[in-house]
Amino acid sequence: MGKKEIIKKLLMTLGEKFSVSLGIDLSKRRASEIFKWFLASILFGARISETIAVNTYREFKKQGVLTPDKILKRKWEGLVGILDNGGYVRYDFKTATKLLRIMKDLKDKYDGDLNRLHQISQDSEDLENNIKNLGTGIGDVTVNIFLRELRGIWKKAEPLPGPLVIEGARYLNVIPQKLKSGEKILERLKTVWQKSKVRGKDFVNFEASLLRLAKDHLRKGKEFPLK
């Protein structure tokens, strides 16, 4: 099986965007949908299983708590309850506190609109810093998760590939083992994608497939059939 065929098989099997799997549509840049993905990214960003993060996001959705105002209105006790119902028990107190601080900053600085945050940001680096400066506790992992799926939607969303994406790419030999620079790895991955595009998919699908390959297969010792 050639490289192009391998990439096609990978995308068709593992390439669904994480936002799409949650029923979030980022394509139209609607502030409400971008916020939903931001909330999900915060939940995904903790050292907790993907299943628990997904279940917890769905609990927020079930209870209709998917805007900055509604999160603030639930207050700390209400947020702890939602987090516990989703199985987010290990980080419930800490995350409830963090969410309240983030929402207050988002309201105070950007009228609760993440599109406004993007518009005000000078460049990719400034965008990442502005996100990290919301409340306390937004780290590189959360920012990378959030911006990866906004690539091509927000002009300034150009995060470098995360460790799992790089691990998957190295396994497929689409980037040299000796290549260490994040900027050069991103450039190389984009070149590979341009040569191996799959109809109906985009570069973000490619990144998602590489991430899942590493997370759900390589790190669990599970084979993914590439022949």
C-alpha atoms as a PDB file:
ATOM      1  CA  MET A   1       0.000   0.000   0.000  1.00  0.00           C
ATOM      2  CA  GLY A   2       1.451   3.364  -1.027  1.00  0.00           C
ATOM      3  CA  LYS A   3       1.669   6.437   1.215  1.00  0.00           C
ATOM      4  CA  LYS A   4      -1.345   8.095  -0.378  1.00  0.00           C
ATOM      5  CA  GLU A   5      -3.465   4.973   0.107  1.00  0.00           C
ATOM      6  CA  ILE A   6      -2.285   4.629   3.712  1.00  0.00           C
ATOM      7  CA  ILE A   7      -3.248   8.229   4.475  1.00  0.00           C
ATOM      8  CA  LYS A   8      -6.644   7.755   2.845  1.00  0.00           C
ATOM      9  CA  LYS A   9      -7.334   4.633   4.921  1.00  0.00           C
ATOM     10  CA  LEU A  10      -6.167   6.404   8.065  1.00  0.00           C
ATOM     11  CA  LEU A  11      -8.443   9.377   7.451  1.00  0.00           C
ATOM     12  CA  MET A  12     -11.483   7.331   6.568  1.00  0.00           C
ATOM     13  CA  THR A  13     -11.057   5.290   9.765  1.00  0.00           C
ATOM     14  CA  LEU A  14      -9.643   7.743  12.338  1.00  0.00           C
ATOM     15  CA  GLY A  15     -10.014  11.193  10.786  1.00  0.00           C
ATOM     16  CA  GLU A  16     -13.230  12.532  12.265  1.00  0.00           C
ATOM     17  CA  LYS A  17     -12.714  15.917  13.883  1.00  0.00           C
ATOM     18  CA  PHE A  18     -13.211  15.869  17.638  1.00  0.00           C
ATOM     19  CA  SER A  19     -15.577  18.851  17.427  1.00  0.00           C
ATOM     20  CA  VAL A  20     -17.717  17.080  14.826  1.00  0.00           C
ATOM     21  CA  SER A  21     -17.925  13.980  17.016  1.00  0.00           C
ATOM     22  CA  LEU A  22     -19.506  16.212  19.698  1.00  0.00           C
ATOM     23  CA  GLY A  23     -22.010  17.720  17.268  1.00  0.00           C
ATOM     24  CA  ILE A  24     -20.191  21.074  17.156  1.00  0.00           C
ATOM     25  CA  ASP A  25     -20.080  22.899  13.806  1.00  0.00           C
ATOM     26  CA  LEU A  26     -17.151  25.317  13.634  1.00  0.00           C
ATOM     27  CA  SER A  27     -17.332  25.858   9.879  1.00  0.00           C
ATOM     28  CA  LYS A  28     -19.528  28.975   9.970  1.00  0.00           C
ATOM     29  CA  ARG A  29     -17.464  30.682  12.700  1.00  0.00           C
ATOM     30  CA  ARG A  30     -20.512  31.173  14.901  1.00  0.00           C
ATOM     31  CA  ALA A  31     -19.450  32.421  18.314  1.00  0.00           C
ATOM     32  CA  SER A  32     -21.824  30.009  20.063  1.00  0.00           C
ATOM     33  CA  GLU A  33     -20.283  26.947  18.368  1.00  0.00           C
ATOM     34  CA  ILE A  34     -16.724  28.168  18.911  1.00  0.00           C
ATOM     35  CA  PHE A  35     -17.505  28.610  22.589  1.00  0.00           C
ATOM     36  CA  LYS A  36     -18.839  25.054  22.811  1.00  0.00           C
ATOM     37  CA  TRP A  37     -15.551  23.774  21.390  1.00  0.00           C
ATOM     38  CA  PHE A  38     -13.632  25.997  23.818  1.00  0.00           C
ATOM     39  CA  LEU A  39     -15.498  24.446  26.740  1.00  0.00           C
ATOM     40  CA  ALA A  40     -14.877  20.952  25.379  1.00  0.00           C
ATOM     41  CA  SER A  41     -11.178  21.765  24.912  1.00  0.00           C
ATOM     42  CA  ILE A  42     -10.880  22.800  28.551  1.00  0.00           C
ATOM     43  CA  LEU A  43     -12.388  19.458  29.562  1.00  0.00           C
ATOM     44  CA  PHE A  44     -10.136  17.518  27.175  1.00  0.00           C
ATOM     45  CA  GLY A  45      -7.092  19.416  28.446  1.00  0.00           C
ATOM     46  CA  ALA A  46      -6.942  17.706  31.849  1.00  0.00           C
ATOM     47  CA  ARG A  47      -5.167  14.402  32.422  1.00  0.00           C
ATOM     48  CA  ILE A  48      -8.389  12.475  32.195  1.00  0.00           C
ATOM     49  CA  SER A  49      -9.784   9.950  29.752  1.00  0.00           C
ATOM     50  CA  GLU A  50     -11.380  11.099  26.517  1.00  0.00           C
ATOM     51  CA  THR A  51     -14.537   9.180  27.466  1.00  0.00           C
ATOM     52  CA  ILE A  52     -14.953  11.134  30.707  1.00  0.00           C
ATOM     53  CA  ALA A  53     -14.276  14.452  28.953  1.00  0.00           C
ATOM     54  CA  VAL A  54     -16.876  13.637  26.293  1.00  0.00           C
ATOM     55  CA  ASN A  55     -19.439  12.513  28.873  1.00  0.00           C
ATOM     56  CA  THR A  56     -18.875  15.684  30.881  1.00  0.00           C
ATOM     57  CA  TYR A  57     -19.300  17.929  27.842  1.00  0.00           C
ATOM     58  CA  ARG A  58     -22.541  16.094  27.048  1.00  0.00           C
ATOM     59  CA  GLU A  59     -23.706  16.717  30.617  1.00  0.00           C
ATOM     60  CA  PHE A  60     -23.124  20.461  30.121  1.00  0.00           C
ATOM     61  CA  LYS A  61     -25.125  20.190  26.893  1.00  0.00           C
ATOM     62  CA  LYS A  62     -27.894  18.154  28.527  1.00  0.00           C
ATOM     63  CA  GLN A  63     -28.301  20.800  31.225  1.00  0.00           C
ATOM     64  CA  GLY A  64     -28.153  23.658  28.700  1.00  0.00           C
ATOM     65  CA  VAL A  65     -25.029  25.201  30.206  1.00  0.00           C
ATOM     66  CA  LEU A  66     -23.146  26.116  27.037  1.00  0.00           C
ATOM     67  CA  THR A  67     -22.576  29.881  27.260  1.00  0.00           C
ATOM     68  CA  PRO A  68     -20.367  32.026  29.507  1.00  0.00           C
ATOM     69  CA  ASP A  69     -23.448  33.567  31.160  1.00  0.00           C
ATOM     70  CA  LYS A  70     -25.033  30.219  31.958  1.00  0.00           C
ATOM     71  CA  ILE A  71     -21.794  28.872  33.387  1.00  0.00           C
ATOM     72  CA  LEU A  72     -21.465  31.926  35.631  1.00  0.00           C
ATOM     73  CA  LYS A  73     -25.090  31.622  36.739  1.00  0.00           C
ATOM     74  CA  ARG A  74     -24.571  28.008  37.834  1.00  0.00           C
ATOM     75  CA  LYS A  75     -21.910  29.154  40.294  1.00  0.00           C
ATOM     76  CA  TRP A  76     -19.333  26.865  41.847  1.00  0.00           C
ATOM     77  CA  GLU A  77     -21.653  24.292  43.452  1.00  0.00           C
ATOM     78  CA  GLY A  78     -23.723  23.896  40.294  1.00  0.00           C
ATOM     79  CA  LEU A  79     -20.640  23.383  38.132  1.00  0.00           C
ATOM     80  CA  VAL A  80     -19.236  20.786  40.522  1.00  0.00           C
ATOM     81  CA  GLY A  81     -22.527  18.922  40.175  1.00  0.00           C
ATOM     82  CA  ILE A  82     -22.333  18.905  36.368  1.00  0.00           C
ATOM     83  CA  LEU A  83     -18.701  17.796  36.432  1.00  0.00           C
ATOM     84  CA  ASP A  84     -19.473  15.005  38.897  1.00  0.00           C
ATOM     85  CA  ASN A  85     -22.401  13.791  36.798  1.00  0.00           C
ATOM     86  CA  GLY A  86     -20.066  13.544  33.811  1.00  0.00           C
ATOM     87  CA  GLY A  87     -17.522  11.535  35.773  1.00  0.00           C
ATOM     88  CA  TYR A  88     -15.043  14.416  36.074  1.00  0.00           C
ATOM     89  CA  VAL A  89     -14.713  13.747  39.786  1.00  0.00           C
ATOM     90  CA  ARG A  90     -10.930  13.908  40.093  1.00  0.00           C
ATOM     91  CA  TYR A  91     -10.787  17.500  38.828  1.00  0.00           C
ATOM     92  CA  ASP A  92     -14.261  18.744  39.765  1.00  0.00           C
ATOM     93  CA  PHE A  93     -13.391  21.385  42.393  1.00  0.00           C
ATOM     94  CA  LYS A  94     -10.377  22.710  40.496  1.00  0.00           C
ATOM     95  CA  THR A  95     -12.173  22.818  37.145  1.00  0.00           C
ATOM     96  CA  ALA A  96     -15.269  24.536  38.546  1.00  0.00           C
ATOM     97  CA  THR A  97     -13.079  27.292  39.976  1.00  0.00           C
ATOM     98  CA  LYS A  98     -11.128  27.575  36.728  1.00  0.00           C
ATOM     99  CA  LEU A  99     -14.265  27.792  34.589  1.00  0.00           C
ATOM    100  CA  LEU A 100     -15.685  30.641  36.659  1.00  0.00           C
ATOM    101  CA  ARG A 101     -12.459  32.635  36.386  1.00  0.00           C
ATOM    102  CA  ILE A 102     -12.191  32.020  32.638  1.00  0.00           C
ATOM    103  CA  MET A 103     -15.801  33.029  31.987  1.00  0.00           C
ATOM    104  CA  LYS A 104     -15.452  36.217  34.019  1.00  0.00           C
ATOM    105  CA  ASP A 105     -12.354  37.217  32.037  1.00  0.00           C
ATOM    106  CA  LEU A 106     -13.980  36.291  28.733  1.00  0.00           C
ATOM    107  CA  LYS A 107     -16.958  38.493  29.578  1.00  0.00           C
ATOM    108  CA  ASP A 108     -14.895  41.390  30.923  1.00  0.00           C
ATOM    109  CA  LYS A 109     -12.280  41.463  28.154  1.00  0.00           C
ATOM    110  CA  TYR A 110     -14.154  40.270  25.063  1.00  0.00           C
ATOM    111  CA  ASP A 111     -17.879  40.550  25.835  1.00  0.00           C
ATOM    112  CA  GLY A 112     -17.990  36.750  26.039  1.00  0.00           C
ATOM    113  CA  ASP A 113     -17.113  36.418  22.346  1.00  0.00           C
ATOM    114  CA  LEU A 114     -14.087  34.320  21.360  1.00  0.00           C
ATOM    115  CA  ASN A 115     -14.304  35.661  17.804  1.00  0.00           C
ATOM    116  CA  ARG A 116     -13.587  39.083  19.278  1.00  0.00           C
ATOM    117  CA  LEU A 117     -10.547  37.657  21.073  1.00  0.00           C
ATOM    118  CA  HIS A 118      -9.287  36.344  17.744  1.00  0.00           C
ATOM    119  CA  GLN A 119      -9.999  39.633  15.967  1.00  0.00           C
ATOM    120  CA  ILE A 120      -8.071  41.655  18.546  1.00  0.00           C
ATOM    121  CA  SER A 121      -5.069  39.302  18.583  1.00  0.00           C
ATOM    122  CA  GLN A 122      -2.128  40.533  16.510  1.00  0.00           C
ATOM    123  CA  ASP A 123      -0.863  37.158  15.277  1.00  0.00           C
ATOM    124  CA  SER A 124      -0.777  33.447  16.113  1.00  0.00           C
ATOM    125  CA  GLU A 125       1.473  33.892  19.135  1.00  0.00           C
ATOM    126  CA  ASP A 126      -0.639  36.737  20.512  1.00  0.00           C
ATOM    127  CA  LEU A 127      -3.771  34.643  20.002  1.00  0.00           C
ATOM    128  CA  GLU A 128      -2.326  31.783  22.027  1.00  0.00           C
ATOM    129  CA  ASN A 129      -1.208  34.142  24.785  1.00  0.00           C
ATOM    130  CA  ASN A 130      -4.611  35.854  24.951  1.00  0.00           C
ATOM    131  CA  ILE A 131      -6.303  32.488  25.404  1.00  0.00           C
ATOM    132  CA  LYS A 132      -3.830  31.493  28.130  1.00  0.00           C
ATOM    133  CA  ASN A 133      -4.485  34.795  29.887  1.00  0.00           C
ATOM    134  CA  LEU A 134      -8.167  34.014  30.381  1.00  0.00           C
ATOM    135  CA  GLY A 135      -8.528  33.246  34.069  1.00  0.00           C
ATOM    136  CA  THR A 136      -5.846  30.916  35.339  1.00  0.00           C
ATOM    137  CA  GLY A 137      -4.871  27.422  34.398  1.00  0.00           C
ATOM    138  CA  ILE A 138      -5.260  27.368  30.611  1.00  0.00           C
ATOM    139  CA  GLY A 139      -2.099  25.626  29.466  1.00  0.00           C
ATOM    140  CA  ASP A 140      -0.431  24.681  26.224  1.00  0.00           C
ATOM    141  CA  VAL A 141      -2.353  21.403  25.890  1.00  0.00           C
ATOM    142  CA  THR A 142      -5.776  23.068  26.056  1.00  0.00           C
ATOM    143  CA  VAL A 143      -4.724  25.845  23.675  1.00  0.00           C
ATOM    144  CA  ASN A 144      -3.378  23.302  21.186  1.00  0.00           C
ATOM    145  CA  ILE A 145      -6.557  21.204  21.333  1.00  0.00           C
ATOM    146  CA  PHE A 146      -8.733  24.284  20.845  1.00  0.00           C
ATOM    147  CA  LEU A 147      -6.796  25.934  18.028  1.00  0.00           C
ATOM    148  CA  ARG A 148      -6.008  22.758  16.101  1.00  0.00           C
ATOM    149  CA  GLU A 149      -9.625  22.433  14.985  1.00  0.00           C
ATOM    150  CA  LEU A 150      -9.893  26.151  14.255  1.00  0.00           C
ATOM    151  CA  ARG A 151      -7.075  25.961  11.741  1.00  0.00           C
ATOM    152  CA  GLY A 152      -8.451  27.229   8.443  1.00  0.00           C
ATOM    153  CA  ILE A 153     -11.406  28.837  10.251  1.00  0.00           C
ATOM    154  CA  TRP A 154      -9.550  31.468  12.248  1.00  0.00           C
ATOM    155  CA  LYS A 155      -6.807  33.061  10.168  1.00  0.00           C
ATOM    156  CA  LYS A 156      -4.451  33.318  13.149  1.00  0.00           C
ATOM    157  CA  ALA A 157      -5.024  29.753  14.375  1.00  0.00           C
ATOM    158  CA  GLU A 158      -1.737  28.070  13.442  1.00  0.00           C
ATOM    159  CA  PRO A 159      -0.755  25.859  16.388  1.00  0.00           C
ATOM    160  CA  LEU A 160       2.300  23.673  16.056  1.00  0.00           C
ATOM    161  CA  PRO A 161       1.647  19.922  15.943  1.00  0.00           C
ATOM    162  CA  GLY A 162       1.287  18.360  19.379  1.00  0.00           C
ATOM    163  CA  PRO A 163       3.328  15.351  20.601  1.00  0.00           C
ATOM    164  CA  LEU A 164       0.683  12.785  19.625  1.00  0.00           C
ATOM    165  CA  VAL A 165       0.352  14.155  16.095  1.00  0.00           C
ATOM    166  CA  ILE A 166       4.139  14.042  15.721  1.00  0.00           C
ATOM    167  CA  GLU A 167       4.281  10.498  17.118  1.00  0.00           C
ATOM    168  CA  GLY A 168       1.707   9.307  14.608  1.00  0.00           C
ATOM    169  CA  ALA A 169       3.485  11.059  11.750  1.00  0.00           C
ATOM    170  CA  ARG A 170       6.842   9.527  12.667  1.00  0.00           C
ATOM    171  CA  TYR A 171       5.271   6.072  12.822  1.00  0.00           C
ATOM    172  CA  LEU A 172       4.025   6.534   9.244  1.00  0.00           C
ATOM    173  CA  ASN A 173       7.430   7.892   8.197  1.00  0.00           C
ATOM    174  CA  VAL A 174       5.860  11.035   6.784  1.00  0.00           C
ATOM    175  CA  ILE A 175       8.335  13.185   8.722  1.00  0.00           C
ATOM    176  CA  PRO A 176      12.014  12.318   9.274  1.00  0.00           C
ATOM    177  CA  GLN A 177      13.016  11.167  12.753  1.00  0.00           C
ATOM    178  CA  LYS A 178      15.751  13.798  12.832  1.00  0.00           C
ATOM    179  CA  LEU A 179      13.325  16.686  12.211  1.00  0.00           C
ATOM    180  CA  LYS A 180      12.810  18.428  15.565  1.00  0.00           C
ATOM    181  CA  SER A 181      11.586  21.964  14.811  1.00  0.00           C
ATOM    182  CA  GLY A 182       7.835  22.307  15.342  1.00  0.00           C
ATOM    183  CA  GLU A 183       7.623  24.868  12.556  1.00  0.00           C
ATOM    184  CA  LYS A 184       9.415  22.597  10.105  1.00  0.00           C
ATOM    185  CA  ILE A 185       7.325  19.583  11.153  1.00  0.00           C
ATOM    186  CA  LEU A 186       4.136  21.565  10.482  1.00  0.00           C
ATOM    187  CA  GLU A 187       5.487  22.654   7.104  1.00  0.00           C
ATOM    188  CA  ARG A 188       6.381  19.057   6.241  1.00  0.00           C
ATOM    189  CA  LEU A 189       2.956  17.743   7.280  1.00  0.00           C
ATOM    190  CA  LYS A 190       1.230  20.371   5.142  1.00  0.00           C
ATOM    191  CA  THR A 191       3.385  19.355   2.174  1.00  0.00           C
ATOM    192  CA  VAL A 192       2.489  15.685   2.696  1.00  0.00           C
ATOM    193  CA  TRP A 193      -1.184  16.612   2.900  1.00  0.00           C
ATOM    194  CA  GLN A 194      -1.047  18.636  -0.324  1.00  0.00           C
ATOM    195  CA  LYS A 195       0.328  15.579  -2.121  1.00  0.00           C
ATOM    196  CA  SER A 196      -2.094  13.108  -0.528  1.00  0.00           C
ATOM    197  CA  LYS A 197      -5.381  14.998  -0.145  1.00  0.00           C
ATOM    198  CA  VAL A 198      -8.530  12.975   0.449  1.00  0.00           C
ATOM    199  CA  ARG A 199     -11.784  14.261  -1.003  1.00  0.00           C
ATOM    200  CA  GLY A 200     -14.126  15.652   1.622  1.00  0.00           C
ATOM    201  CA  LYS A 201     -11.370  15.946   4.231  1.00  0.00           C
ATOM    202  CA  ASP A 202      -8.976  18.722   5.188  1.00  0.00           C
ATOM    203  CA  PHE A 203      -5.681  19.135   7.025  1.00  0.00           C
ATOM    204  CA  VAL A 204      -7.429  19.166  10.399  1.00  0.00           C
ATOM    205  CA  ASN A 205      -8.850  15.701   9.638  1.00  0.00           C
ATOM    206  CA  PHE A 206      -5.294  14.600   8.847  1.00  0.00           C
ATOM    207  CA  GLU A 207      -4.036  15.893  12.205  1.00  0.00           C
ATOM    208  CA  ALA A 208      -6.943  14.207  14.021  1.00  0.00           C
ATOM    209  CA  SER A 209      -6.153  10.876  12.371  1.00  0.00           C
ATOM    210  CA  LEU A 210      -2.469  11.065  13.336  1.00  0.00           C
ATOM    211  CA  LEU A 211      -3.405  11.950  16.912  1.00  0.00           C
ATOM    212  CA  ARG A 212      -5.837   9.035  17.206  1.00  0.00           C
ATOM    213  CA  LEU A 213      -3.304   6.675  15.638  1.00  0.00           C
ATOM    214  CA  ALA A 214      -0.836   7.515  18.412  1.00  0.00           C
ATOM    215  CA  LYS A 215      -3.299   7.783  21.303  1.00  0.00           C
ATOM    216  CA  ASP A 216      -5.652   4.897  20.583  1.00  0.00           C
ATOM    217  CA  HIS A 217      -3.264   2.474  18.887  1.00  0.00           C
ATOM    218  CA  LEU A 218       0.469   3.079  19.315  1.00  0.00           C
ATOM    219  CA  ARG A 219       0.354   3.990  23.023  1.00  0.00           C
ATOM    220  CA  LYS A 220      -1.979   1.109  23.774  1.00  0.00           C
ATOM    221  CA  GLY A 221       0.048  -1.427  21.837  1.00  0.00           C
ATOM    222  CA  LYS A 222      -2.810  -1.929  19.387  1.00  0.00           C
ATOM    223  CA  GLU A 223      -2.012  -2.444  15.724  1.00  0.00           C
ATOM    224  CA  PHE A 224      -3.633  -0.369  13.023  1.00  0.00           C
ATOM    225  CA  PRO A 225      -3.778  -2.295   9.711  1.00  0.00           C
ATOM    226  CA  LEU A 226      -1.846  -0.291   7.140  1.00  0.00           C
ATOM    227  CA  LYS A 227      -1.398  -3.013   4.527  1.00  0.00           C
END
